[in-house]
Amino acid sequence: MAKSKGNRIQVILECTEHKASGLPGTSRYHTQKNKKNTTGRLELKKYNPILKKMTIHRETK
């Protein structure tokens, strides 16, 4: 029998400030989270190369 992958799922993080600024392009990161321990949307501070600063990236649908 094959093992199940468990509770970890892959999520996409998208910059919130870049979306509001109206500039072309997007800043996205891929990461994993445990869906049992972290039921809400994930928010992390990541570097946005277009804005050239650290911004909050929020999990997309």
N, C-alpha and C. Protein backbone atom coordinates (compact mmCIF):
# COMPACT_ATOMS: atom_id res chain seq x y z
N MET A 1 0.82 -1.18 0.00
CA MET A 1 0.00 0.00 0.00
C MET A 1 0.86 1.25 0.00
N ALA A 2 0.39 2.26 -0.66
CA ALA A 2 1.11 3.53 -0.71
C ALA A 2 0.80 4.36 0.53
N LYS A 3 1.80 5.08 0.98
CA LYS A 3 1.60 5.97 2.13
C LYS A 3 0.90 7.24 1.67
N SER A 4 0.08 7.79 2.56
CA SER A 4 -0.55 9.07 2.24
C SER A 4 0.47 10.18 2.45
N LYS A 5 0.26 11.29 1.79
CA LYS A 5 1.20 12.41 1.88
C LYS A 5 1.09 13.16 3.20
N GLY A 6 0.04 12.94 3.95
CA GLY A 6 -0.09 13.61 5.24
C GLY A 6 -0.90 14.88 5.13
N ASN A 7 -0.63 15.80 6.05
CA ASN A 7 -1.42 17.01 6.15
C ASN A 7 -0.77 18.23 5.49
N ARG A 8 0.41 18.07 4.89
CA ARG A 8 1.10 19.20 4.29
C ARG A 8 0.58 19.45 2.88
N ILE A 9 0.27 20.73 2.60
CA ILE A 9 -0.19 21.12 1.28
C ILE A 9 0.65 22.28 0.78
N GLN A 10 0.75 22.40 -0.55
CA GLN A 10 1.51 23.49 -1.15
C GLN A 10 0.59 24.70 -1.32
N VAL A 11 1.09 25.89 -0.95
CA VAL A 11 0.32 27.12 -1.04
C VAL A 11 1.14 28.18 -1.79
N ILE A 12 0.43 29.17 -2.34
CA ILE A 12 1.06 30.28 -3.05
C ILE A 12 0.86 31.54 -2.23
N LEU A 13 1.95 32.27 -1.99
CA LEU A 13 1.90 33.54 -1.27
C LEU A 13 2.05 34.68 -2.27
N GLU A 14 1.16 35.67 -2.19
CA GLU A 14 1.20 36.80 -3.12
C GLU A 14 1.30 38.10 -2.32
N CYS A 15 2.08 39.06 -2.85
CA CYS A 15 2.32 40.33 -2.18
C CYS A 15 1.04 41.17 -2.13
N THR A 16 0.74 41.72 -0.95
CA THR A 16 -0.46 42.55 -0.79
C THR A 16 -0.20 43.99 -1.22
N GLU A 17 0.98 44.52 -0.95
CA GLU A 17 1.30 45.91 -1.30
C GLU A 17 1.44 46.09 -2.81
N HIS A 18 2.01 45.11 -3.47
CA HIS A 18 2.20 45.19 -4.93
C HIS A 18 0.85 45.22 -5.65
N LYS A 19 -0.08 44.43 -5.17
CA LYS A 19 -1.42 44.38 -5.76
C LYS A 19 -2.10 45.74 -5.66
N ALA A 20 -1.93 46.41 -4.53
CA ALA A 20 -2.57 47.71 -4.29
C ALA A 20 -1.88 48.85 -5.05
N SER A 21 -0.59 48.69 -5.37
CA SER A 21 0.16 49.78 -6.01
C SER A 21 -0.21 49.96 -7.48
N GLY A 22 -0.69 48.91 -8.14
CA GLY A 22 -1.07 49.01 -9.54
C GLY A 22 0.09 48.84 -10.51
N LEU A 23 1.29 48.54 -10.03
CA LEU A 23 2.43 48.30 -10.90
C LEU A 23 2.27 46.98 -11.63
N PRO A 24 2.85 46.85 -12.84
CA PRO A 24 2.75 45.58 -13.57
C PRO A 24 3.59 44.49 -12.91
N GLY A 25 3.19 43.24 -13.12
CA GLY A 25 3.90 42.10 -12.56
C GLY A 25 3.36 41.70 -11.20
N THR A 26 3.87 40.58 -10.68
CA THR A 26 3.46 40.11 -9.35
C THR A 26 4.66 39.53 -8.63
N SER A 27 4.59 39.50 -7.32
CA SER A 27 5.61 38.86 -6.50
C SER A 27 4.93 37.69 -5.80
N ARG A 28 5.33 36.48 -6.18
CA ARG A 28 4.72 35.28 -5.61
C ARG A 28 5.80 34.33 -5.12
N TYR A 29 5.49 33.63 -4.04
CA TYR A 29 6.35 32.60 -3.47
C TYR A 29 5.53 31.34 -3.27
N HIS A 30 6.17 30.17 -3.39
CA HIS A 30 5.53 28.88 -3.12
C HIS A 30 6.11 28.34 -1.83
N THR A 31 5.26 27.80 -0.98
CA THR A 31 5.70 27.20 0.28
C THR A 31 4.72 26.11 0.67
N GLN A 32 4.98 25.46 1.79
CA GLN A 32 4.09 24.41 2.29
C GLN A 32 3.59 24.79 3.67
N LYS A 33 2.42 24.27 4.02
CA LYS A 33 1.89 24.45 5.37
C LYS A 33 1.16 23.20 5.79
N ASN A 34 1.05 23.02 7.10
CA ASN A 34 0.30 21.91 7.65
C ASN A 34 -1.14 22.39 7.83
N LYS A 35 -2.07 21.79 7.09
CA LYS A 35 -3.45 22.28 7.11
C LYS A 35 -4.19 21.99 8.41
N LYS A 36 -3.69 21.06 9.22
CA LYS A 36 -4.33 20.80 10.52
C LYS A 36 -3.88 21.82 11.58
N ASN A 37 -2.60 22.18 11.57
CA ASN A 37 -2.08 23.13 12.57
C ASN A 37 -2.36 24.57 12.19
N THR A 38 -2.36 24.89 10.89
CA THR A 38 -2.56 26.25 10.42
C THR A 38 -3.82 26.27 9.56
N THR A 39 -4.96 26.47 10.19
CA THR A 39 -6.22 26.41 9.45
C THR A 39 -6.51 27.71 8.72
N GLY A 40 -6.03 28.84 9.23
CA GLY A 40 -6.27 30.13 8.60
C GLY A 40 -5.30 30.38 7.45
N ARG A 41 -5.41 31.55 6.86
CA ARG A 41 -4.51 31.91 5.77
C ARG A 41 -3.15 32.31 6.32
N LEU A 42 -2.11 31.88 5.62
CA LEU A 42 -0.74 32.12 6.03
C LEU A 42 -0.31 33.52 5.59
N GLU A 43 0.40 34.25 6.45
CA GLU A 43 0.94 35.57 6.15
C GLU A 43 2.40 35.59 6.58
N LEU A 44 3.30 35.90 5.64
CA LEU A 44 4.73 35.96 5.94
C LEU A 44 5.33 37.22 5.35
N LYS A 45 6.38 37.74 5.99
CA LYS A 45 7.12 38.86 5.41
C LYS A 45 8.17 38.29 4.48
N LYS A 46 8.10 38.67 3.20
CA LYS A 46 9.05 38.20 2.19
C LYS A 46 9.55 39.40 1.40
N TYR A 47 10.64 39.20 0.66
CA TYR A 47 11.22 40.27 -0.15
C TYR A 47 10.48 40.37 -1.49
N ASN A 48 10.11 41.59 -1.85
CA ASN A 48 9.49 41.86 -3.15
C ASN A 48 10.55 42.51 -4.03
N PRO A 49 11.03 41.81 -5.08
CA PRO A 49 12.11 42.37 -5.91
C PRO A 49 11.67 43.56 -6.77
N ILE A 50 10.39 43.69 -7.05
CA ILE A 50 9.91 44.80 -7.87
C ILE A 50 9.86 46.09 -7.03
N LEU A 51 9.35 46.00 -5.80
CA LEU A 51 9.30 47.15 -4.90
C LEU A 51 10.62 47.35 -4.15
N LYS A 52 11.48 46.34 -4.17
CA LYS A 52 12.80 46.35 -3.53
C LYS A 52 12.71 46.60 -2.02
N LYS A 53 11.76 45.90 -1.36
CA LYS A 53 11.65 45.97 0.09
C LYS A 53 10.90 44.76 0.61
N MET A 54 10.93 44.56 1.93
CA MET A 54 10.21 43.48 2.57
C MET A 54 8.74 43.87 2.68
N THR A 55 7.85 42.97 2.26
CA THR A 55 6.41 43.24 2.31
C THR A 55 5.70 42.01 2.85
N ILE A 56 4.43 42.17 3.19
CA ILE A 56 3.62 41.05 3.67
C ILE A 56 3.05 40.31 2.46
N HIS A 57 3.26 39.00 2.45
CA HIS A 57 2.72 38.12 1.42
C HIS A 57 1.65 37.25 2.06
N ARG A 58 0.47 37.20 1.46
CA ARG A 58 -0.66 36.46 2.00
C ARG A 58 -1.00 35.28 1.07
N GLU A 59 -1.47 34.23 1.67
CA GLU A 59 -1.86 33.02 0.94
C GLU A 59 -3.06 33.31 0.02
N THR A 60 -2.98 32.83 -1.24
CA THR A 60 -4.08 33.00 -2.18
C THR A 60 -4.99 31.79 -2.12
N LYS A 61 -6.13 31.88 -2.77
CA LYS A 61 -7.09 30.76 -2.79
C LYS A 61 -6.56 29.60 -3.59
